[in-house]
């Protein structure tokens, strides 16, 4: 067997667990919970926010500052031009890598947050050169959490009290040591996330990477003990139940096949994982695919959560994720909803989307906008 064919076989084997579930997931969405009426579509964009990124190595700090200032201007232009049904600006949730902390950058990101242009949450690449340890992981998360909360007034607290709470995106996708020991190395990572204040993880989907678990198109609780590796490979979908959810919730974006793609006239299906990138279409057909994933809280089918993602400092993707392409696309989605009367659009940060989910669990209904600050209060904005 050639190296290439062996690689293809390995990739297929790694993806088989979720591929087997995929038809049942699609059938469940088609035949499952129905809602006749206007839906509320809640968009959250998880931005792997790395101003240092370049193809080889890292940009120096002055270059990062320049890139961030340019991003700020673009985000302001798009945010002011594209408003949701509540008057909320289009914006991302900016997951900043803990291992690349520079106070100058976070000062600007905090200013952006104050302007309604993107709340700050935590991203982390670790265990890259060698497996990380539980002790080091905990130390790094706590230190960065407290810097964000105390120095920059970012993150949030439950009802404004207690330790800072935060959302997470795992660098290199290896959540819960799900990459065979690479890019993590900490078997009890999920337990450490919980104990240090992580309320939701937005890493998934990660297909076709080997870190993709069998569960897809859901918001769910980990189904295995949190001190075990990959405890999120099993889980229970969140439902209107009144029960306090086990944190961190796993909040997945859409993972669906685009069957319409053609190459030289031949059908060549591809995965649509909700990435805002330059090489995927930005049209209503794509929006409809995201909607077909039907990521909801069971018992609240009229609230549809669409968690997208991007790498905001990939130069070739900036137009699609924050620039003119994004401005046109999300304006078109909003206009389509107004024209058809089928849905209203709400732009939500990770914190706000989690609050809406928590409200749904506790039986709240109506307009999601009413629950943006339901339990988790922004440290920056909270006043007793």
Protein backbone atom coordinates (compact mmCIF):
# COMPACT_ATOMS: atom_id res chain seq x y z
CA UNK A 1 0.00 0.00 0.00
CA UNK A 2 1.39 3.42 -0.95
CA UNK A 3 1.91 6.17 1.59
CA UNK A 4 -0.87 8.20 -0.04
CA UNK A 5 -3.41 5.36 -0.02
CA UNK A 6 -2.48 4.55 3.55
CA UNK A 7 -3.11 8.18 4.47
CA UNK A 8 -6.51 8.10 2.77
CA UNK A 9 -7.41 4.87 4.56
CA UNK A 10 -6.40 6.38 7.92
CA UNK A 11 -8.46 9.50 7.26
CA UNK A 12 -11.47 7.40 6.30
CA UNK A 13 -11.09 5.23 9.42
CA UNK A 14 -10.84 8.32 11.65
CA UNK A 15 -13.97 9.82 10.12
CA UNK A 16 -16.05 6.65 9.97
CA UNK A 17 -17.71 7.10 13.42
CA UNK A 18 -19.36 10.39 12.50
CA UNK A 19 -19.96 9.42 8.87
CA UNK A 20 -21.98 6.41 10.05
CA UNK A 21 -24.11 8.71 12.21
CA UNK A 22 -24.54 11.35 9.53
CA UNK A 23 -27.56 9.82 7.72
CA UNK A 24 -29.35 9.32 11.03
CA UNK A 25 -28.60 12.89 12.05
CA UNK A 26 -30.05 14.17 8.76
CA UNK A 27 -33.10 11.95 9.05
CA UNK A 28 -33.65 13.07 12.62
CA UNK A 29 -33.64 16.68 11.52
CA UNK A 30 -36.06 15.97 8.68
CA UNK A 31 -38.54 13.89 10.65
CA UNK A 32 -37.94 15.32 14.11
CA UNK A 33 -39.24 18.32 16.04
CA UNK A 34 -41.19 20.74 13.86
CA UNK A 35 -42.12 24.37 14.33
CA UNK A 36 -44.59 26.21 12.14
CA UNK A 37 -43.95 29.91 12.39
CA UNK A 38 -41.21 32.49 12.32
CA UNK A 39 -37.89 31.17 13.60
CA UNK A 40 -35.11 33.01 15.39
CA UNK A 41 -31.67 32.38 13.88
CA UNK A 42 -28.85 33.04 16.33
CA UNK A 43 -25.46 33.54 14.68
CA UNK A 44 -22.23 33.21 16.66
CA UNK A 45 -18.88 33.53 14.88
CA UNK A 46 -15.99 31.88 16.74
CA UNK A 47 -12.87 33.64 15.50
CA UNK A 48 -9.52 31.94 16.08
CA UNK A 49 -8.09 35.42 16.64
CA UNK A 50 -4.35 35.40 15.96
CA UNK A 51 -2.83 38.70 14.70
CA UNK A 52 0.58 36.98 14.84
CA UNK A 53 -0.31 34.46 12.15
CA UNK A 54 1.69 34.07 8.96
CA UNK A 55 2.53 31.03 6.85
CA UNK A 56 5.92 30.57 8.52
CA UNK A 57 6.74 31.77 12.04
CA UNK A 58 5.04 34.75 13.66
CA UNK A 59 4.70 38.44 12.95
CA UNK A 60 6.51 40.79 15.33
CA UNK A 61 4.51 42.91 17.77
CA UNK A 62 4.49 46.18 15.71
CA UNK A 63 3.12 44.24 12.74
CA UNK A 64 0.50 42.59 14.93
CA UNK A 65 -0.60 45.98 16.27
CA UNK A 66 -0.89 47.30 12.71
CA UNK A 67 -2.94 44.29 11.61
CA UNK A 68 -5.21 44.56 14.63
CA UNK A 69 -5.84 48.27 14.03
CA UNK A 70 -6.79 47.50 10.43
CA UNK A 71 -9.08 44.72 11.65
CA UNK A 72 -10.71 47.13 14.10
CA UNK A 73 -11.53 49.58 11.30
CA UNK A 74 -12.98 46.87 9.10
CA UNK A 75 -14.99 45.33 11.94
CA UNK A 76 -16.41 48.76 12.79
CA UNK A 77 -17.43 49.40 9.19
CA UNK A 78 -19.14 46.04 8.82
CA UNK A 79 -20.70 46.11 12.28
CA UNK A 80 -22.25 49.52 11.73
CA UNK A 81 -23.57 48.48 8.30
CA UNK A 82 -25.06 45.11 9.29
CA UNK A 83 -27.50 45.13 12.21
CA UNK A 84 -29.70 42.27 13.37
CA UNK A 85 -33.37 42.36 14.34
CA UNK A 86 -32.43 43.82 17.73
CA UNK A 87 -30.08 46.50 16.39
CA UNK A 88 -27.03 44.46 17.44
CA UNK A 89 -23.94 44.85 15.26
CA UNK A 90 -22.50 41.98 13.28
CA UNK A 91 -19.38 40.90 15.13
CA UNK A 92 -17.28 37.91 16.07
CA UNK A 93 -16.35 36.37 19.40
CA UNK A 94 -12.57 36.77 19.48
CA UNK A 95 -10.81 33.73 20.95
CA UNK A 96 -7.30 35.01 21.67
CA UNK A 97 -4.40 32.55 22.19
CA UNK A 98 -3.22 32.55 25.79
CA UNK A 99 0.34 31.61 24.82
CA UNK A 100 0.69 34.77 22.67
CA UNK A 101 -0.38 37.40 25.20
CA UNK A 102 0.62 41.01 24.64
CA UNK A 103 -1.17 43.62 26.78
CA UNK A 104 -1.12 46.15 23.94
CA UNK A 105 -3.21 43.84 21.76
CA UNK A 106 -5.69 43.00 24.49
CA UNK A 107 -6.13 46.69 25.33
CA UNK A 108 -7.34 47.24 21.75
CA UNK A 109 -9.49 44.09 21.82
CA UNK A 110 -11.09 45.29 25.07
CA UNK A 111 -11.82 48.60 23.35
CA UNK A 112 -13.46 46.68 20.51
CA UNK A 113 -15.54 44.75 23.02
CA UNK A 114 -16.69 47.99 24.65
CA UNK A 115 -17.76 49.20 21.19
CA UNK A 116 -19.84 46.05 20.60
CA UNK A 117 -17.39 44.64 18.06
CA UNK A 118 -16.51 41.32 19.63
CA UNK A 119 -16.24 39.88 23.13
CA UNK A 120 -12.91 38.32 24.11
CA UNK A 121 -12.64 34.63 25.06
CA UNK A 122 -9.83 32.07 25.37
CA UNK A 123 -7.96 30.12 22.70
CA UNK A 124 -4.93 27.96 23.48
CA UNK A 125 -2.33 26.00 21.53
CA UNK A 126 -0.46 23.66 23.85
CA UNK A 127 1.37 20.36 23.84
CA UNK A 128 2.70 21.17 20.38
CA UNK A 129 6.38 20.26 20.75
CA UNK A 130 5.77 17.70 23.48
CA UNK A 131 2.71 16.63 25.49
CA UNK A 132 1.57 19.20 28.02
CA UNK A 133 0.99 18.41 31.70
CA UNK A 134 -2.18 18.93 33.71
CA UNK A 135 -0.34 21.21 36.11
CA UNK A 136 0.98 23.46 33.38
CA UNK A 137 -2.35 23.60 31.57
CA UNK A 138 -4.20 24.64 34.73
CA UNK A 139 -1.59 27.27 35.55
CA UNK A 140 -1.67 28.76 32.05
CA UNK A 141 -5.46 28.92 31.91
CA UNK A 142 -5.87 30.46 35.35
CA UNK A 143 -3.18 33.08 34.76
CA UNK A 144 -4.62 34.15 31.42
CA UNK A 145 -8.19 34.05 32.72
CA UNK A 146 -7.30 36.40 35.56
CA UNK A 147 -5.33 38.76 33.32
CA UNK A 148 -8.28 39.05 30.95
CA UNK A 149 -10.73 39.61 33.79
CA UNK A 150 -8.71 41.90 36.05
CA UNK A 151 -6.53 43.93 33.71
CA UNK A 152 -8.75 44.08 30.62
CA UNK A 153 -12.23 43.68 32.17
CA UNK A 154 -13.11 40.91 29.70
CA UNK A 155 -14.88 37.57 30.34
CA UNK A 156 -17.98 37.17 32.52
CA UNK A 157 -19.36 35.96 35.85
CA UNK A 158 -22.51 34.09 36.79
CA UNK A 159 -24.95 36.76 38.01
CA UNK A 160 -21.89 39.00 38.32
CA UNK A 161 -20.38 36.92 41.13
CA UNK A 162 -17.70 34.28 41.65
CA UNK A 163 -14.74 33.40 39.48
CA UNK A 164 -14.44 34.60 35.88
CA UNK A 165 -16.13 32.35 33.33
CA UNK A 166 -14.93 31.85 29.80
CA UNK A 167 -15.56 30.16 26.46
CA UNK A 168 -12.92 28.06 24.74
CA UNK A 169 -11.62 27.08 21.33
CA UNK A 170 -8.79 24.52 21.38
CA UNK A 171 -5.74 25.25 19.25
CA UNK A 172 -5.05 22.52 16.68
CA UNK A 173 -8.56 21.15 17.44
CA UNK A 174 -7.25 18.59 19.98
CA UNK A 175 -9.95 19.13 22.62
CA UNK A 176 -9.80 16.59 25.45
CA UNK A 177 -6.57 15.05 24.09
CA UNK A 178 -8.50 13.90 21.03
CA UNK A 179 -5.54 13.84 18.64
CA UNK A 180 -3.76 10.75 19.94
CA UNK A 181 -1.62 12.75 22.36
CA UNK A 182 -0.58 15.44 19.85
CA UNK A 183 -1.33 19.14 20.44
CA UNK A 184 -2.55 18.49 23.99
CA UNK A 185 -1.39 15.50 26.03
CA UNK A 186 -3.69 16.15 29.01
CA UNK A 187 -6.23 13.36 29.43
CA UNK A 188 -8.28 15.25 32.03
CA UNK A 189 -8.30 18.50 30.07
CA UNK A 190 -12.11 18.80 30.16
CA UNK A 191 -12.10 18.51 33.94
CA UNK A 192 -9.53 21.30 34.15
CA UNK A 193 -11.62 23.45 31.83
CA UNK A 194 -14.64 22.95 34.06
CA UNK A 195 -12.77 23.67 37.29
CA UNK A 196 -11.21 26.88 35.95
CA UNK A 197 -14.47 28.37 34.68
CA UNK A 198 -15.05 27.22 31.11
CA UNK A 199 -18.77 27.34 30.36
CA UNK A 200 -18.76 26.31 26.70
CA UNK A 201 -16.42 24.87 24.09
CA UNK A 202 -16.79 25.97 20.45
CA UNK A 203 -14.00 23.95 18.83
CA UNK A 204 -16.24 21.58 16.86
CA UNK A 205 -16.84 20.57 14.13
CA UNK A 206 -13.31 19.58 13.15
CA UNK A 207 -13.95 17.03 10.37
CA UNK A 208 -12.17 15.65 8.45
CA UNK A 209 -9.55 15.94 11.19
CA UNK A 210 -9.20 12.91 13.46
CA UNK A 211 -10.37 15.05 16.40
CA UNK A 212 -13.97 15.00 15.11
CA UNK A 213 -16.16 12.98 17.49
CA UNK A 214 -19.24 10.95 16.46
CA UNK A 215 -21.70 13.55 17.76
CA UNK A 216 -22.55 16.35 15.36
CA UNK A 217 -24.99 19.23 14.90
CA UNK A 218 -25.85 19.44 18.60
CA UNK A 219 -25.44 21.41 21.77
CA UNK A 220 -24.72 18.79 24.38
CA UNK A 221 -23.22 17.79 27.72
CA UNK A 222 -20.22 15.47 27.86
CA UNK A 223 -21.40 11.92 28.34
CA UNK A 224 -18.24 10.43 29.88
CA UNK A 225 -16.39 11.39 33.08
CA UNK A 226 -14.54 14.67 32.57
CA UNK A 227 -11.27 13.25 33.91
CA UNK A 228 -11.12 10.82 30.97
CA UNK A 229 -9.75 11.62 27.50
CA UNK A 230 -12.31 12.70 24.90
CA UNK A 231 -15.29 12.74 27.28
CA UNK A 232 -17.28 14.59 24.61
CA UNK A 233 -17.27 11.63 22.19
CA UNK A 234 -20.53 10.67 23.90
CA UNK A 235 -23.10 13.03 25.25
CA UNK A 236 -26.67 14.10 25.88
CA UNK A 237 -28.34 16.79 23.82
CA UNK A 238 -29.47 19.80 25.79
CA UNK A 239 -33.23 20.02 26.27
CA UNK A 240 -35.90 22.17 27.92
CA UNK A 241 -35.71 20.43 31.27
CA UNK A 242 -35.07 22.90 34.07
CA UNK A 243 -31.92 20.97 35.02
CA UNK A 244 -28.68 22.86 35.54
CA UNK A 245 -26.38 21.81 32.68
CA UNK A 246 -22.98 20.24 33.29
CA UNK A 247 -20.32 22.61 32.08
CA UNK A 248 -18.63 23.06 29.73
CA UNK A 249 -21.34 22.53 27.13
CA UNK A 250 -20.15 21.36 23.72
CA UNK A 251 -21.56 23.80 21.18
CA UNK A 252 -21.06 22.54 17.64
CA UNK A 253 -21.44 24.37 14.39
CA UNK A 254 -23.08 22.89 11.29
CA UNK A 255 -21.49 19.86 9.67
CA UNK A 256 -23.33 19.01 6.46
CA UNK A 257 -22.50 17.94 2.93
CA UNK A 258 -22.81 20.33 0.03
CA UNK A 259 -24.05 18.06 -2.76
CA UNK A 260 -24.31 20.83 -5.37
CA UNK A 261 -20.61 21.40 -6.07
CA UNK A 262 -19.43 20.62 -9.58
CA UNK A 263 -15.88 20.34 -10.91
CA UNK A 264 -15.62 20.18 -14.70
CA UNK A 265 -19.31 19.37 -14.74
CA UNK A 266 -19.00 16.41 -12.39
CA UNK A 267 -20.62 16.30 -8.94
CA UNK A 268 -17.95 16.50 -6.24
CA UNK A 269 -19.58 16.89 -2.81
CA UNK A 270 -17.68 18.69 -0.08
CA UNK A 271 -18.10 19.27 3.62
CA UNK A 272 -19.61 22.51 4.83
CA UNK A 273 -18.46 23.07 8.40
CA UNK A 274 -19.53 26.68 8.79
CA UNK A 275 -16.14 28.18 7.92
CA UNK A 276 -16.18 31.77 6.67
CA UNK A 277 -13.56 31.37 3.97
CA UNK A 278 -12.86 32.69 0.49
CA UNK A 279 -13.29 29.39 -1.33
CA UNK A 280 -16.83 28.52 -0.27
CA UNK A 281 -19.97 30.18 -1.66
CA UNK A 282 -21.60 33.02 0.25
CA UNK A 283 -25.23 32.67 -0.78
CA UNK A 284 -28.68 31.79 0.54
CA UNK A 285 -28.20 28.15 -0.47
CA UNK A 286 -25.33 27.94 2.00
CA UNK A 287 -27.39 29.62 4.71
CA UNK A 288 -30.10 27.03 4.09
CA UNK A 289 -27.55 24.23 4.56
CA UNK A 290 -26.58 25.69 7.92
CA UNK A 291 -30.22 25.89 8.89
CA UNK A 292 -30.73 22.27 7.87
CA UNK A 293 -28.24 21.21 10.55
CA UNK A 294 -30.98 22.34 12.96
CA UNK A 295 -28.82 22.95 16.02
CA UNK A 296 -31.41 23.67 18.72
CA UNK A 297 -32.29 23.04 22.33
CA UNK A 298 -34.72 20.11 22.33
CA UNK A 299 -38.13 21.53 23.08
CA UNK A 300 -37.30 24.96 21.68
CA UNK A 301 -37.21 24.30 17.89
CA UNK A 302 -37.92 27.92 16.97
CA UNK A 303 -34.48 29.04 18.21
CA UNK A 304 -31.85 27.83 15.73
CA UNK A 305 -28.19 28.29 16.69
CA UNK A 306 -25.69 28.70 13.85
CA UNK A 307 -22.14 28.68 15.21
CA UNK A 308 -19.68 29.61 12.47
CA UNK A 309 -15.91 29.99 12.66
CA UNK A 310 -12.99 31.66 10.95
CA UNK A 311 -9.30 32.39 11.23
CA UNK A 312 -9.60 36.14 11.11
CA UNK A 313 -5.99 36.88 10.21
CA UNK A 314 -5.76 34.55 7.24
CA UNK A 315 -5.42 37.38 4.73
CA UNK A 316 -7.23 35.54 1.94
CA UNK A 317 -10.28 34.95 4.18
CA UNK A 318 -10.76 38.42 5.66
CA UNK A 319 -13.19 39.62 3.02
CA UNK A 320 -15.39 36.58 3.64
CA UNK A 321 -15.34 36.71 7.42
CA UNK A 322 -15.39 40.46 8.23
CA UNK A 323 -14.98 42.50 5.03
CA UNK A 324 -17.18 43.34 2.05
CA UNK A 325 -18.08 39.71 1.38
CA UNK A 326 -19.36 39.23 4.92
CA UNK A 327 -21.18 42.56 4.78
CA UNK A 328 -23.00 41.56 1.61
CA UNK A 329 -23.71 37.97 2.70
CA UNK A 330 -25.17 38.67 6.12
CA UNK A 331 -27.15 41.63 4.78
CA UNK A 332 -28.63 39.26 2.18
CA UNK A 333 -29.55 36.75 4.90
CA UNK A 334 -31.30 39.46 6.93
CA UNK A 335 -33.13 40.81 3.88
CA UNK A 336 -34.23 37.31 2.89
CA UNK A 337 -35.71 36.80 6.35
CA UNK A 338 -37.61 40.07 6.15
CA UNK A 339 -38.85 39.31 2.63
CA UNK A 340 -40.01 35.76 3.33
CA UNK A 341 -41.15 36.31 6.91
CA UNK A 342 -39.65 32.95 7.82
CA UNK A 343 -37.06 34.05 10.37
CA UNK A 344 -35.36 36.86 12.24
CA UNK A 345 -31.60 37.11 12.67
CA UNK A 346 -29.81 37.72 15.98
CA UNK A 347 -26.03 38.19 16.27
CA UNK A 348 -24.80 36.78 19.58
CA UNK A 349 -21.44 36.42 21.27
CA UNK A 350 -20.50 33.05 22.73
CA UNK A 351 -21.60 34.35 26.13
CA UNK A 352 -24.93 35.61 24.82
CA UNK A 353 -25.64 32.40 22.90
CA UNK A 354 -24.88 30.38 26.03
CA UNK A 355 -27.25 32.60 28.02
CA UNK A 356 -29.98 31.97 25.45
CA UNK A 357 -29.35 28.22 25.70
CA UNK A 358 -29.52 28.39 29.51
CA UNK A 359 -32.77 30.35 29.31
CA UNK A 360 -34.22 27.75 26.94
CA UNK A 361 -33.21 24.94 29.29
CA UNK A 362 -35.13 26.71 32.05
CA UNK A 363 -38.22 26.96 29.87
CA UNK A 364 -37.97 30.55 28.71
CA UNK A 365 -39.48 31.34 25.34
CA UNK A 366 -40.15 34.31 23.10
CA UNK A 367 -37.42 36.54 21.65
CA UNK A 368 -33.81 35.41 22.27
CA UNK A 369 -32.70 39.04 22.60
CA UNK A 370 -34.40 39.14 26.01
CA UNK A 371 -31.87 36.62 27.36
CA UNK A 372 -28.50 37.90 26.15
CA UNK A 373 -27.51 38.62 29.76
CA UNK A 374 -29.63 35.94 31.40
CA UNK A 375 -27.07 34.53 33.84
CA UNK A 376 -23.56 35.23 32.58
CA UNK A 377 -22.88 38.96 33.00
CA UNK A 378 -20.02 40.66 31.19
CA UNK A 379 -17.46 41.89 33.72
CA UNK A 380 -16.99 44.98 31.58
CA UNK A 381 -20.64 45.95 31.63
CA UNK A 382 -21.96 44.50 34.88
CA UNK A 383 -23.10 46.86 37.59
CA UNK A 384 -24.72 45.69 40.79
